[in-house]
Amino acid sequence: MTGMIKSGTGYNDIYNYRNSKYFIKTVIQAKKWVQKNGKDVAIFAGACQSYYEALLSAGANFASSPARVLIDFMDPLIVAEKIATTDEYKYLTIDDIEEELRNGKDGIGGVGTRGKKHNVTIL
């Protein structure tokens, strides 16, 4: 089960979230791997009612859920698909995607990333 602990009283306390600490640790490890290997990746982290601010602080490009709402299971897939099919020279933000998400910016937020689609010209 994801989300906030019912008895929790503060949005800014990691102990009030069931799984966010694991998402945060994973984002930190992913960022270390990216830096070590010189790769260009986009990181989406979180689940319903995650500690959104901490996920972004850890280094995620996109995360759920700024308004601590339940997100649609398709929303992370929509974000990933947009990143994968956006040309590498274009910077993608949540503003470019929000209309396709069930709860828009309440469910998914982030700082953005460059697209990952590489255009190859075959002569």
PDB file of N, CA and C in Angstrom:
ATOM      1  N   MET A   1       0.840  -1.177   0.000  1.00  0.00           N
ATOM      2  CA  MET A   1       0.000   0.000   0.000  1.00  0.00           C
ATOM      3  C   MET A   1       0.885   1.241   0.000  1.00  0.00           C
ATOM      4  N   THR A   2       0.504   2.214  -0.793  1.00  0.00           N
ATOM      5  CA  THR A   2       1.278   3.442  -0.865  1.00  0.00           C
ATOM      6  C   THR A   2       0.566   4.548  -0.121  1.00  0.00           C
ATOM      7  N   GLY A   3       1.143   5.714  -0.119  1.00  0.00           N
ATOM      8  CA  GLY A   3       0.464   6.878   0.409  1.00  0.00           C
ATOM      9  C   GLY A   3       0.904   7.281   1.787  1.00  0.00           C
ATOM     10  N   MET A   4       0.128   8.189   2.321  1.00  0.00           N
ATOM     11  CA  MET A   4       0.417   8.738   3.633  1.00  0.00           C
ATOM     12  C   MET A   4      -0.157   7.839   4.717  1.00  0.00           C
ATOM     13  N   ILE A   5       0.473   7.904   5.871  1.00  0.00           N
ATOM     14  CA  ILE A   5      -0.008   7.177   7.031  1.00  0.00           C
ATOM     15  C   ILE A   5      -1.140   7.996   7.638  1.00  0.00           C
ATOM     16  N   LYS A   6      -2.260   7.361   7.905  1.00  0.00           N
ATOM     17  CA  LYS A   6      -3.446   8.079   8.363  1.00  0.00           C
ATOM     18  C   LYS A   6      -3.204   8.913   9.616  1.00  0.00           C
ATOM     19  N   SER A   7      -2.363   8.434  10.510  1.00  0.00           N
ATOM     20  CA  SER A   7      -2.125   9.179  11.747  1.00  0.00           C
ATOM     21  C   SER A   7      -1.081  10.284  11.566  1.00  0.00           C
ATOM     22  N   GLY A   8      -0.489  10.372  10.378  1.00  0.00           N
ATOM     23  CA  GLY A   8       0.516  11.399  10.138  1.00  0.00           C
ATOM     24  C   GLY A   8      -0.082  12.790  10.161  1.00  0.00           C
ATOM     25  N   THR A   9       0.708  13.752  10.628  1.00  0.00           N
ATOM     26  CA  THR A   9       0.190  15.109  10.766  1.00  0.00           C
ATOM     27  C   THR A   9       0.895  16.118   9.874  1.00  0.00           C
ATOM     28  N   GLY A  10       2.008  15.765   9.257  1.00  0.00           N
ATOM     29  CA  GLY A  10       2.731  16.752   8.471  1.00  0.00           C
ATOM     30  C   GLY A  10       3.136  16.240   7.105  1.00  0.00           C
ATOM     31  N   TYR A  11       2.926  17.090   6.088  1.00  0.00           N
ATOM     32  CA  TYR A  11       3.321  16.723   4.734  1.00  0.00           C
ATOM     33  C   TYR A  11       4.835  16.692   4.572  1.00  0.00           C
ATOM     34  N   ASN A  12       5.551  17.400   5.404  1.00  0.00           N
ATOM     35  CA  ASN A  12       7.000  17.504   5.258  1.00  0.00           C
ATOM     36  C   ASN A  12       7.769  16.603   6.216  1.00  0.00           C
ATOM     37  N   ASP A  13       7.183  15.509   6.595  1.00  0.00           N
ATOM     38  CA  ASP A  13       7.823  14.548   7.486  1.00  0.00           C
ATOM     39  C   ASP A  13       7.861  13.185   6.785  1.00  0.00           C
ATOM     40  N   ILE A  14       9.056  12.733   6.455  1.00  0.00           N
ATOM     41  CA  ILE A  14       9.221  11.475   5.712  1.00  0.00           C
ATOM     42  C   ILE A  14       8.572  10.300   6.442  1.00  0.00           C
ATOM     43  N   TYR A  15       8.473  10.365   7.736  1.00  0.00           N
ATOM     44  CA  TYR A  15       7.893   9.261   8.494  1.00  0.00           C
ATOM     45  C   TYR A  15       6.373   9.178   8.359  1.00  0.00           C
ATOM     46  N   ASN A  16       5.771  10.157   7.707  1.00  0.00           N
ATOM     47  CA  ASN A  16       4.333  10.119   7.471  1.00  0.00           C
ATOM     48  C   ASN A  16       3.970   9.491   6.131  1.00  0.00           C
ATOM     49  N   TYR A  17       4.962   8.949   5.443  1.00  0.00           N
ATOM     50  CA  TYR A  17       4.743   8.308   4.142  1.00  0.00           C
ATOM     51  C   TYR A  17       5.168   6.851   4.229  1.00  0.00           C
ATOM     52  N   ARG A  18       4.389   5.982   3.621  1.00  0.00           N
ATOM     53  CA  ARG A  18       4.665   4.546   3.689  1.00  0.00           C
ATOM     54  C   ARG A  18       5.921   4.140   2.920  1.00  0.00           C
ATOM     55  N   ASN A  19       6.057   4.573   1.673  1.00  0.00           N
ATOM     56  CA  ASN A  19       7.128   4.068   0.816  1.00  0.00           C
ATOM     57  C   ASN A  19       8.044   5.129   0.227  1.00  0.00           C
ATOM     58  N   SER A  20       7.781   6.381   0.489  1.00  0.00           N
ATOM     59  CA  SER A  20       8.572   7.440  -0.144  1.00  0.00           C
ATOM     60  C   SER A  20      10.057   7.335   0.165  1.00  0.00           C
ATOM     61  N   LYS A  21      10.412   6.888   1.365  1.00  0.00           N
ATOM     62  CA  LYS A  21      11.840   6.781   1.695  1.00  0.00           C
ATOM     63  C   LYS A  21      12.541   5.810   0.744  1.00  0.00           C
ATOM     64  N   TYR A  22      11.856   4.781   0.292  1.00  0.00           N
ATOM     65  CA  TYR A  22      12.461   3.833  -0.647  1.00  0.00           C
ATOM     66  C   TYR A  22      12.588   4.444  -2.043  1.00  0.00           C
ATOM     67  N   PHE A  23      11.576   5.204  -2.449  1.00  0.00           N
ATOM     68  CA  PHE A  23      11.652   5.905  -3.733  1.00  0.00           C
ATOM     69  C   PHE A  23      12.817   6.902  -3.711  1.00  0.00           C
ATOM     70  N   ILE A  24      12.954   7.632  -2.610  1.00  0.00           N
ATOM     71  CA  ILE A  24      14.015   8.631  -2.490  1.00  0.00           C
ATOM     72  C   ILE A  24      15.385   7.969  -2.556  1.00  0.00           C
ATOM     73  N   LYS A  25      15.578   6.879  -1.827  1.00  0.00           N
ATOM     74  CA  LYS A  25      16.855   6.154  -1.874  1.00  0.00           C
ATOM     75  C   LYS A  25      17.156   5.674  -3.291  1.00  0.00           C
ATOM     76  N   THR A  26      16.141   5.218  -3.985  1.00  0.00           N
ATOM     77  CA  THR A  26      16.322   4.737  -5.354  1.00  0.00           C
ATOM     78  C   THR A  26      16.701   5.871  -6.295  1.00  0.00           C
ATOM     79  N   VAL A  27      16.068   7.021  -6.154  1.00  0.00           N
ATOM     80  CA  VAL A  27      16.406   8.176  -6.991  1.00  0.00           C
ATOM     81  C   VAL A  27      17.855   8.589  -6.743  1.00  0.00           C
ATOM     82  N   ILE A  28      18.271   8.621  -5.494  1.00  0.00           N
ATOM     83  CA  ILE A  28      19.654   8.994  -5.169  1.00  0.00           C
ATOM     84  C   ILE A  28      20.627   8.015  -5.806  1.00  0.00           C
ATOM     85  N   GLN A  29      20.342   6.734  -5.725  1.00  0.00           N
ATOM     86  CA  GLN A  29      21.210   5.724  -6.348  1.00  0.00           C
ATOM     87  C   GLN A  29      21.224   5.868  -7.870  1.00  0.00           C
ATOM     88  N   ALA A  30      20.076   6.135  -8.452  1.00  0.00           N
ATOM     89  CA  ALA A  30      20.001   6.319  -9.909  1.00  0.00           C
ATOM     90  C   ALA A  30      20.826   7.526 -10.339  1.00  0.00           C
ATOM     91  N   LYS A  31      20.747   8.624  -9.592  1.00  0.00           N
ATOM     92  CA  LYS A  31      21.529   9.820  -9.925  1.00  0.00           C
ATOM     93  C   LYS A  31      23.028   9.532  -9.835  1.00  0.00           C
ATOM     94  N   LYS A  32      23.436   8.771  -8.831  1.00  0.00           N
ATOM     95  CA  LYS A  32      24.852   8.385  -8.716  1.00  0.00           C
ATOM     96  C   LYS A  32      25.278   7.569  -9.929  1.00  0.00           C
ATOM     97  N   TRP A  33      24.444   6.630 -10.350  1.00  0.00           N
ATOM     98  CA  TRP A  33      24.748   5.804 -11.519  1.00  0.00           C
ATOM     99  C   TRP A  33      24.865   6.668 -12.767  1.00  0.00           C
ATOM    100  N   VAL A  34      23.945   7.617 -12.924  1.00  0.00           N
ATOM    101  CA  VAL A  34      23.957   8.513 -14.079  1.00  0.00           C
ATOM    102  C   VAL A  34      25.264   9.297 -14.120  1.00  0.00           C
ATOM    103  N   GLN A  35      25.657   9.865 -12.985  1.00  0.00           N
ATOM    104  CA  GLN A  35      26.894  10.650 -12.929  1.00  0.00           C
ATOM    105  C   GLN A  35      28.123   9.784 -13.210  1.00  0.00           C
ATOM    106  N   LYS A  36      28.151   8.586 -12.675  1.00  0.00           N
ATOM    107  CA  LYS A  36      29.289   7.684 -12.861  1.00  0.00           C
ATOM    108  C   LYS A  36      29.415   7.229 -14.318  1.00  0.00           C
ATOM    109  N   ASN A  37      28.284   6.977 -14.970  1.00  0.00           N
ATOM    110  CA  ASN A  37      28.293   6.409 -16.314  1.00  0.00           C
ATOM    111  C   ASN A  37      28.061   7.427 -17.425  1.00  0.00           C
ATOM    112  N   GLY A  38      27.857   8.670 -17.070  1.00  0.00           N
ATOM    113  CA  GLY A  38      27.684   9.713 -18.070  1.00  0.00           C
ATOM    114  C   GLY A  38      26.477   9.521 -18.972  1.00  0.00           C
ATOM    115  N   LYS A  39      25.436   8.950 -18.451  1.00  0.00           N
ATOM    116  CA  LYS A  39      24.218   8.704 -19.235  1.00  0.00           C
ATOM    117  C   LYS A  39      23.237   9.857 -19.084  1.00  0.00           C
ATOM    118  N   ASP A  40      22.367   9.992 -20.055  1.00  0.00           N
ATOM    119  CA  ASP A  40      21.332  11.014 -20.031  1.00  0.00           C
ATOM    120  C   ASP A  40      19.994  10.306 -19.874  1.00  0.00           C
ATOM    121  N   VAL A  41      19.491  10.267 -18.644  1.00  0.00           N
ATOM    122  CA  VAL A  41      18.236   9.591 -18.372  1.00  0.00           C
ATOM    123  C   VAL A  41      17.268  10.548 -17.690  1.00  0.00           C
ATOM    124  N   ALA A  42      16.013  10.222 -17.771  1.00  0.00           N
ATOM    125  CA  ALA A  42      14.977  10.950 -17.047  1.00  0.00           C
ATOM    126  C   ALA A  42      14.469  10.034 -15.943  1.00  0.00           C
ATOM    127  N   ILE A  43      14.265  10.584 -14.773  1.00  0.00           N
ATOM    128  CA  ILE A  43      13.815   9.784 -13.634  1.00  0.00           C
ATOM    129  C   ILE A  43      12.413  10.219 -13.222  1.00  0.00           C
ATOM    130  N   PHE A  44      11.496   9.253 -13.219  1.00  0.00           N
ATOM    131  CA  PHE A  44      10.145   9.451 -12.701  1.00  0.00           C
ATOM    132  C   PHE A  44      10.045   8.613 -11.439  1.00  0.00           C
ATOM    133  N   ALA A  45       9.597   9.225 -10.338  1.00  0.00           N
ATOM    134  CA  ALA A  45       9.543   8.498  -9.072  1.00  0.00           C
ATOM    135  C   ALA A  45       8.231   8.757  -8.349  1.00  0.00           C
ATOM    136  N   GLY A  46       7.891   7.827  -7.501  1.00  0.00           N
ATOM    137  CA  GLY A  46       6.745   8.005  -6.632  1.00  0.00           C
ATOM    138  C   GLY A  46       5.555   7.169  -7.016  1.00  0.00           C
ATOM    139  N   ALA A  47       4.533   7.309  -6.210  1.00  0.00           N
ATOM    140  CA  ALA A  47       3.253   6.633  -6.407  1.00  0.00           C
ATOM    141  C   ALA A  47       2.201   7.522  -5.761  1.00  0.00           C
ATOM    142  N   CYS A  48       1.013   7.000  -5.590  1.00  0.00           N
ATOM    143  CA  CYS A  48      -0.053   7.806  -5.003  1.00  0.00           C
ATOM    144  C   CYS A  48       0.375   8.392  -3.660  1.00  0.00           C
ATOM    145  N   GLN A  49       0.136   9.660  -3.497  1.00  0.00           N
ATOM    146  CA  GLN A  49       0.376  10.358  -2.238  1.00  0.00           C
ATOM    147  C   GLN A  49       1.821  10.262  -1.752  1.00  0.00           C
ATOM    148  N   SER A  50       2.774  10.340  -2.676  1.00  0.00           N
ATOM    149  CA  SER A  50       4.188  10.304  -2.297  1.00  0.00           C
ATOM    150  C   SER A  50       4.657  11.661  -1.789  1.00  0.00           C
ATOM    151  N   TYR A  51       5.832  11.656  -1.187  1.00  0.00           N
ATOM    152  CA  TYR A  51       6.461  12.880  -0.688  1.00  0.00           C
ATOM    153  C   TYR A  51       7.120  13.567  -1.879  1.00  0.00           C
ATOM    154  N   TYR A  52       6.313  14.290  -2.618  1.00  0.00           N
ATOM    155  CA  TYR A  52       6.688  14.901  -3.896  1.00  0.00           C
ATOM    156  C   TYR A  52       7.943  15.770  -3.789  1.00  0.00           C
ATOM    157  N   GLU A  53       7.969  16.677  -2.835  1.00  0.00           N
ATOM    158  CA  GLU A  53       9.078  17.619  -2.716  1.00  0.00           C
ATOM    159  C   GLU A  53      10.407  16.903  -2.466  1.00  0.00           C
ATOM    160  N   ALA A  54      10.389  15.865  -1.654  1.00  0.00           N
ATOM    161  CA  ALA A  54      11.619  15.121  -1.368  1.00  0.00           C
ATOM    162  C   ALA A  54      12.086  14.334  -2.588  1.00  0.00           C
ATOM    163  N   LEU A  55      11.153  13.837  -3.385  1.00  0.00           N
ATOM    164  CA  LEU A  55      11.523  13.108  -4.600  1.00  0.00           C
ATOM    165  C   LEU A  55      12.229  14.028  -5.586  1.00  0.00           C
ATOM    166  N   LEU A  56      11.726  15.240  -5.750  1.00  0.00           N
ATOM    167  CA  LEU A  56      12.384  16.200  -6.641  1.00  0.00           C
ATOM    168  C   LEU A  56      13.729  16.633  -6.069  1.00  0.00           C
ATOM    169  N   SER A  57      13.796  16.846  -4.762  1.00  0.00           N
ATOM    170  CA  SER A  57      15.066  17.228  -4.129  1.00  0.00           C
ATOM    171  C   SER A  57      16.119  16.136  -4.284  1.00  0.00           C
ATOM    172  N   ALA A  58      15.673  14.889  -4.312  1.00  0.00           N
ATOM    173  CA  ALA A  58      16.604  13.769  -4.483  1.00  0.00           C
ATOM    174  C   ALA A  58      17.129  13.685  -5.908  1.00  0.00           C
ATOM    175  N   GLY A  59      16.425  14.322  -6.861  1.00  0.00           N
ATOM    176  CA  GLY A  59      16.912  14.342  -8.230  1.00  0.00           C
ATOM    177  C   GLY A  59      15.972  13.821  -9.292  1.00  0.00           C
ATOM    178  N   ALA A  60      14.737  13.509  -8.938  1.00  0.00           N
ATOM    179  CA  ALA A  60      13.782  13.043  -9.939  1.00  0.00           C
ATOM    180  C   ALA A  60      13.399  14.194 -10.874  1.00  0.00           C
ATOM    181  N   ASN A  61      13.217  13.873 -12.154  1.00  0.00           N
ATOM    182  CA  ASN A  61      12.739  14.873 -13.117  1.00  0.00           C
ATOM    183  C   ASN A  61      11.241  15.090 -12.981  1.00  0.00           C
ATOM    184  N   PHE A  62      10.521  14.012 -12.764  1.00  0.00           N
ATOM    185  CA  PHE A  62       9.074  14.049 -12.572  1.00  0.00           C
ATOM    186  C   PHE A  62       8.737  13.166 -11.382  1.00  0.00           C
ATOM    187  N   ALA A  63       7.666  13.519 -10.680  1.00  0.00           N
ATOM    188  CA  ALA A  63       7.266  12.728  -9.518  1.00  0.00           C
ATOM    189  C   ALA A  63       5.771  12.897  -9.281  1.00  0.00           C
ATOM    190  N   SER A  64       5.245  12.014  -8.466  1.00  0.00           N
ATOM    191  CA  SER A  64       3.867  12.130  -8.039  1.00  0.00           C
ATOM    192  C   SER A  64       3.889  12.349  -6.529  1.00  0.00           C
ATOM    193  N   SER A  65       3.056  12.895  -5.937  1.00  0.00           N
ATOM    194  CA  SER A  65       1.845  13.540  -6.332  1.00  0.00           C
ATOM    195  C   SER A  65       1.813  14.876  -5.598  1.00  0.00           C
ATOM    196  N   PRO A  66       2.021  15.995  -6.317  1.00  0.00           N
ATOM    197  CA  PRO A  66       2.125  17.295  -5.656  1.00  0.00           C
ATOM    198  C   PRO A  66       0.948  17.626  -4.731  1.00  0.00           C
ATOM    199  N   ALA A  67      -0.256  17.215  -5.093  1.00  0.00           N
ATOM    200  CA  ALA A  67      -1.441  17.504  -4.282  1.00  0.00           C
ATOM    201  C   ALA A  67      -1.830  16.326  -3.389  1.00  0.00           C
ATOM    202  N   ARG A  68      -0.964  15.305  -3.307  1.00  0.00           N
ATOM    203  CA  ARG A  68      -1.220  14.103  -2.493  1.00  0.00           C
ATOM    204  C   ARG A  68      -2.542  13.454  -2.865  1.00  0.00           C
ATOM    205  N   VAL A  69      -2.788  13.358  -4.179  1.00  0.00           N
ATOM    206  CA  VAL A  69      -3.995  12.706  -4.675  1.00  0.00           C
ATOM    207  C   VAL A  69      -3.633  11.332  -5.209  1.00  0.00           C
ATOM    208  N   LEU A  70      -4.638  10.498  -5.399  1.00  0.00           N
ATOM    209  CA  LEU A  70      -4.418   9.203  -6.022  1.00  0.00           C
ATOM    210  C   LEU A  70      -4.249   9.436  -7.518  1.00  0.00           C
ATOM    211  N   ILE A  71      -3.176   8.900  -8.093  1.00  0.00           N
ATOM    212  CA  ILE A  71      -2.943   9.086  -9.520  1.00  0.00           C
ATOM    213  C   ILE A  71      -3.468   7.884 -10.290  1.00  0.00           C
ATOM    214  N   ASP A  72      -3.750   8.107 -11.540  1.00  0.00           N
ATOM    215  CA  ASP A  72      -4.155   7.026 -12.434  1.00  0.00           C
ATOM    216  C   ASP A  72      -2.921   6.196 -12.763  1.00  0.00           C
ATOM    217  N   PHE A  73      -3.060   4.893 -12.834  1.00  0.00           N
ATOM    218  CA  PHE A  73      -1.914   4.037 -13.114  1.00  0.00           C
ATOM    219  C   PHE A  73      -1.283   4.331 -14.465  1.00  0.00           C
ATOM    220  N   MET A  74      -2.030   4.955 -15.365  1.00  0.00           N
ATOM    221  CA  MET A  74      -1.507   5.274 -16.696  1.00  0.00           C
ATOM    222  C   MET A  74      -0.661   6.553 -16.714  1.00  0.00           C
ATOM    223  N   ASP A  75      -0.821   7.420 -15.739  1.00  0.00           N
ATOM    224  CA  ASP A  75      -0.125   8.709 -15.764  1.00  0.00           C
ATOM    225  C   ASP A  75       1.394   8.593 -15.886  1.00  0.00           C
ATOM    226  N   PRO A  76       2.068   7.764 -15.092  1.00  0.00           N
ATOM    227  CA  PRO A  76       3.522   7.631 -15.273  1.00  0.00           C
ATOM    228  C   PRO A  76       3.888   7.090 -16.666  1.00  0.00           C
ATOM    229  N   LEU A  77       3.044   6.232 -17.207  1.00  0.00           N
ATOM    230  CA  LEU A  77       3.298   5.698 -18.539  1.00  0.00           C
ATOM    231  C   LEU A  77       3.160   6.775 -19.604  1.00  0.00           C
ATOM    232  N   ILE A  78       2.199   7.658 -19.425  1.00  0.00           N
ATOM    233  CA  ILE A  78       2.015   8.764 -20.362  1.00  0.00           C
ATOM    234  C   ILE A  78       3.231   9.677 -20.333  1.00  0.00           C
ATOM    235  N   VAL A  79       3.725   9.979 -19.140  1.00  0.00           N
ATOM    236  CA  VAL A  79       4.919  10.827 -19.013  1.00  0.00           C
ATOM    237  C   VAL A  79       6.116  10.148 -19.681  1.00  0.00           C
ATOM    238  N   ALA A  80       6.321   8.870 -19.406  1.00  0.00           N
ATOM    239  CA  ALA A  80       7.444   8.138 -20.005  1.00  0.00           C
ATOM    240  C   ALA A  80       7.345   8.100 -21.528  1.00  0.00           C
ATOM    241  N   GLU A  81       6.132   7.876 -22.036  1.00  0.00           N
ATOM    242  CA  GLU A  81       5.943   7.830 -23.490  1.00  0.00           C
ATOM    243  C   GLU A  81       6.257   9.179 -24.123  1.00  0.00           C
ATOM    244  N   LYS A  82       5.844  10.265 -23.479  1.00  0.00           N
ATOM    245  CA  LYS A  82       6.122  11.602 -24.007  1.00  0.00           C
ATOM    246  C   LYS A  82       7.620  11.888 -24.019  1.00  0.00           C
ATOM    247  N   ILE A  83       8.313  11.490 -22.976  1.00  0.00           N
ATOM    248  CA  ILE A  83       9.763  11.690 -22.915  1.00  0.00           C
ATOM    249  C   ILE A  83      10.443  10.888 -24.021  1.00  0.00           C
ATOM    250  N   ALA A  84      10.043   9.646 -24.178  1.00  0.00           N
ATOM    251  CA  ALA A  84      10.674   8.759 -25.166  1.00  0.00           C
ATOM    252  C   ALA A  84      10.419   9.204 -26.599  1.00  0.00           C
ATOM    253  N   THR A  85       9.286   9.833 -26.858  1.00  0.00           N
ATOM    254  CA  THR A  85       8.949  10.195 -28.238  1.00  0.00           C
ATOM    255  C   THR A  85       9.164  11.679 -28.551  1.00  0.00           C
ATOM    256  N   THR A  86       9.722  12.419 -27.608  1.00  0.00           N
ATOM    257  CA  THR A  86      10.043  13.825 -27.838  1.00  0.00           C
ATOM    258  C   THR A  86      11.485  13.916 -28.314  1.00  0.00           C
ATOM    259  N   ASP A  87      11.702  14.694 -29.379  1.00  0.00           N
ATOM    260  CA  ASP A  87      13.047  14.844 -29.930  1.00  0.00           C
ATOM    261  C   ASP A  87      14.024  15.337 -28.871  1.00  0.00           C
ATOM    262  N   GLU A  88      15.259  14.854 -28.967  1.00  0.00           N
ATOM    263  CA  GLU A  88      16.275  15.130 -27.956  1.00  0.00           C
ATOM    264  C   GLU A  88      16.629  16.611 -27.824  1.00  0.00           C
ATOM    265  N   TYR A  89      16.354  17.408 -28.822  1.00  0.00           N
ATOM    266  CA  TYR A  89      16.673  18.829 -28.752  1.00  0.00           C
ATOM    267  C   TYR A  89      15.566  19.644 -28.088  1.00  0.00           C
ATOM    268  N   LYS A  90      14.407  19.014 -27.782  1.00  0.00           N
ATOM    269  CA  LYS A  90      13.288  19.728 -27.163  1.00  0.00           C
ATOM    270  C   LYS A  90      13.231  19.435 -25.666  1.00  0.00           C
ATOM    271  N   TYR A  91      13.021  20.477 -24.886  1.00  0.00           N
ATOM    272  CA  TYR A  91      12.874  20.327 -23.438  1.00  0.00           C
ATOM    273  C   TYR A  91      11.393  20.154 -23.119  1.00  0.00           C
ATOM    274  N   LEU A  92      11.071  19.118 -22.378  1.00  0.00           N
ATOM    275  CA  LEU A  92       9.694  18.748 -22.067  1.00  0.00           C
ATOM    276  C   LEU A  92       9.391  19.100 -20.610  1.00  0.00           C
ATOM    277  N   THR A  93       8.288  19.805 -20.386  1.00  0.00           N
ATOM    278  CA  THR A  93       7.870  20.129 -19.025  1.00  0.00           C
ATOM    279  C   THR A  93       6.497  19.536 -18.755  1.00  0.00           C
ATOM    280  N   ILE A  94       6.075  19.619 -17.513  1.00  0.00           N
ATOM    281  CA  ILE A  94       4.757  19.103 -17.153  1.00  0.00           C
ATOM    282  C   ILE A  94       3.662  19.889 -17.872  1.00  0.00           C
ATOM    283  N   ASP A  95       3.942  21.134 -18.218  1.00  0.00           N
ATOM    284  CA  ASP A  95       2.961  21.931 -18.970  1.00  0.00           C
ATOM    285  C   ASP A  95       2.646  21.300 -20.329  1.00  0.00           C
ATOM    286  N   ASP A  96       3.625  20.607 -20.909  1.00  0.00           N
ATOM    287  CA  ASP A  96       3.431  19.954 -22.204  1.00  0.00           C
ATOM    288  C   ASP A  96       2.586  18.687 -22.106  1.00  0.00           C
ATOM    289  N   ILE A  97       2.438  18.159 -20.903  1.00  0.00           N
ATOM    290  CA  ILE A  97       1.803  16.857 -20.706  1.00  0.00           C
ATOM    291  C   ILE A  97       0.501  16.937 -19.916  1.00  0.00           C
ATOM    292  N   GLU A  98       0.327  17.955 -19.108  1.00  0.00           N
ATOM    293  CA  GLU A  98      -0.739  17.981 -18.103  1.00  0.00           C
ATOM    294  C   GLU A  98      -2.140  17.695 -18.635  1.00  0.00           C
ATOM    295  N   GLU A  99      -2.452  18.102 -19.845  1.00  0.00           N
ATOM    296  CA  GLU A  99      -3.790  17.882 -20.391  1.00  0.00           C
ATOM    297  C   GLU A  99      -4.098  16.395 -20.602  1.00  0.00           C
ATOM    298  N   GLU A 100      -3.068  15.586 -20.723  1.00  0.00           N
ATOM    299  CA  GLU A 100      -3.264  14.146 -20.952  1.00  0.00           C
ATOM    300  C   GLU A 100      -3.343  13.343 -19.666  1.00  0.00           C
ATOM    301  N   LEU A 101      -3.095  13.966 -18.542  1.00  0.00           N
ATOM    302  CA  LEU A 101      -3.092  13.282 -17.252  1.00  0.00           C
ATOM    303  C   LEU A 101      -4.439  13.444 -16.560  1.00  0.00           C
ATOM    304  N   ARG A 102      -4.862  12.427 -15.840  1.00  0.00           N
ATOM    305  CA  ARG A 102      -6.177  12.453 -15.196  1.00  0.00           C
ATOM    306  C   ARG A 102      -6.336  13.664 -14.276  1.00  0.00           C
ATOM    307  N   ASN A 103      -5.349  13.903 -13.420  1.00  0.00           N
ATOM    308  CA  ASN A 103      -5.439  15.013 -12.475  1.00  0.00           C
ATOM    309  C   ASN A 103      -4.487  16.156 -12.804  1.00  0.00           C
ATOM    310  N   GLY A 104      -3.935  16.153 -13.995  1.00  0.00           N
ATOM    311  CA  GLY A 104      -3.037  17.230 -14.398  1.00  0.00           C
ATOM    312  C   GLY A 104      -1.887  17.416 -13.436  1.00  0.00           C
ATOM    313  N   LYS A 105      -1.610  18.678 -13.105  1.00  0.00           N
ATOM    314  CA  LYS A 105      -0.489  19.002 -12.221  1.00  0.00           C
ATOM    315  C   LYS A 105      -0.736  18.622 -10.762  1.00  0.00           C
ATOM    316  N   ASP A 106      -1.950  18.268 -10.395  1.00  0.00           N
ATOM    317  CA  ASP A 106      -2.192  17.789  -9.037  1.00  0.00           C
ATOM    318  C   ASP A 106      -1.628  16.384  -8.848  1.00  0.00           C
ATOM    319  N   GLY A 107      -1.641  15.597  -9.915  1.00  0.00           N
ATOM    320  CA  GLY A 107      -1.188  14.212  -9.823  1.00  0.00           C
ATOM    321  C   GLY A 107       0.273  14.015 -10.147  1.00  0.00           C
ATOM    322  N   ILE A 108       0.796  14.779 -11.102  1.00  0.00           N
ATOM    323  CA  ILE A 108       2.192  14.648 -11.540  1.00  0.00           C
ATOM    324  C   ILE A 108       2.793  16.044 -11.656  1.00  0.00           C
ATOM    325  N   GLY A 109       4.014  16.175 -11.206  1.00  0.00           N
ATOM    326  CA  GLY A 109       4.736  17.438 -11.341  1.00  0.00           C
ATOM    327  C   GLY A 109       6.189  17.160 -11.645  1.00  0.00           C
ATOM    328  N   GLY A 110       6.950  18.199 -11.817  1.00  0.00           N
ATOM    329  CA  GLY A 110       8.364  17.999 -12.047  1.00  0.00           C
ATOM    330  C   GLY A 110       9.054  19.197 -12.640  1.00  0.00           C
ATOM    331  N   VAL A 111      10.357  19.027 -12.838  1.00  0.00           N
ATOM    332  CA  VAL A 111      11.192  20.100 -13.358  1.00  0.00           C
ATOM    333  C   VAL A 111      11.382  19.998 -14.857  1.00  0.00           C
ATOM    334  N   GLY A 112      11.138  18.828 -15.428  1.00  0.00           N
ATOM    335  CA  GLY A 112      11.279  18.632 -16.864  1.00  0.00           C
ATOM    336  C   GLY A 112      12.551  17.898 -17.239  1.00  0.00           C
ATOM    337  N   THR A 113      12.669  17.628 -18.533  1.00  0.00           N
ATOM    338  CA  THR A 113      13.827  16.921 -19.073  1.00  0.00           C
ATOM    339  C   THR A 113      13.859  17.082 -20.581  1.00  0.00           C
ATOM    340  N   ARG A 114      15.010  16.819 -21.152  1.00  0.00           N
ATOM    341  CA  ARG A 114      15.094  16.790 -22.611  1.00  0.00           C
ATOM    342  C   ARG A 114      14.458  15.501 -23.110  1.00  0.00           C
ATOM    343  N   GLY A 115      13.883  15.572 -24.312  1.00  0.00           N
ATOM    344  CA  GLY A 115      13.341  14.375 -24.930  1.00  0.00           C
ATOM    345  C   GLY A 115      14.453  13.365 -25.187  1.00  0.00           C
ATOM    346  N   LYS A 116      14.089  12.133 -25.395  1.00  0.00           N
ATOM    347  CA  LYS A 116      15.083  11.062 -25.578  1.00  0.00           C
ATOM    348  C   LYS A 116      15.069  10.467 -26.984  1.00  0.00           C
ATOM    349  N   LYS A 117      14.239  10.993 -27.868  1.00  0.00           N
ATOM    350  CA  LYS A 117      14.153  10.457 -29.222  1.00  0.00           C
ATOM    351  C   LYS A 117      15.323  10.989 -30.057  1.00  0.00           C
ATOM    352  N   HIS A 118      16.085  10.058 -30.582  1.00  0.00           N
ATOM    353  CA  HIS A 118      17.213  10.395 -31.450  1.00  0.00           C
ATOM    354  C   HIS A 118      16.796  10.222 -32.895  1.00  0.00           C
ATOM    355  N   ASN A 119      16.932  11.271 -33.664  1.00  0.00           N
ATOM    356  CA  ASN A 119      16.623  11.172 -35.085  1.00  0.00           C
ATOM    357  C   ASN A 119      17.877  10.738 -35.834  1.00  0.00           C
ATOM    358  N   VAL A 120      17.759   9.659 -36.557  1.00  0.00           N
ATOM    359  CA  VAL A 120      18.886   9.102 -37.294  1.00  0.00           C
ATOM    360  C   VAL A 120      18.599   9.236 -38.776  1.00  0.00           C
ATOM    361  N   THR A 121      19.541   9.785 -39.475  1.00  0.00           N
ATOM    362  CA  THR A 121      19.398   9.904 -40.917  1.00  0.00           C
ATOM    363  C   THR A 121      20.225   8.805 -41.577  1.00  0.00           C
ATOM    364  N   ILE A 122      19.583   7.993 -42.355  1.00  0.00           N
ATOM    365  CA  ILE A 122      20.272   6.908 -43.065  1.00  0.00           C
ATOM    366  C   ILE A 122      20.442   7.336 -44.510  1.00  0.00           C
ATOM    367  N   LEU A 123      21.668   7.346 -44.950  1.00  0.00           N
ATOM    368  CA  LEU A 123      21.955   7.755 -46.334  1.00  0.00           C
ATOM    369  C   LEU A 123      22.035   6.561 -47.254  1.00  0.00           C
TER     370      LEU A 123
END
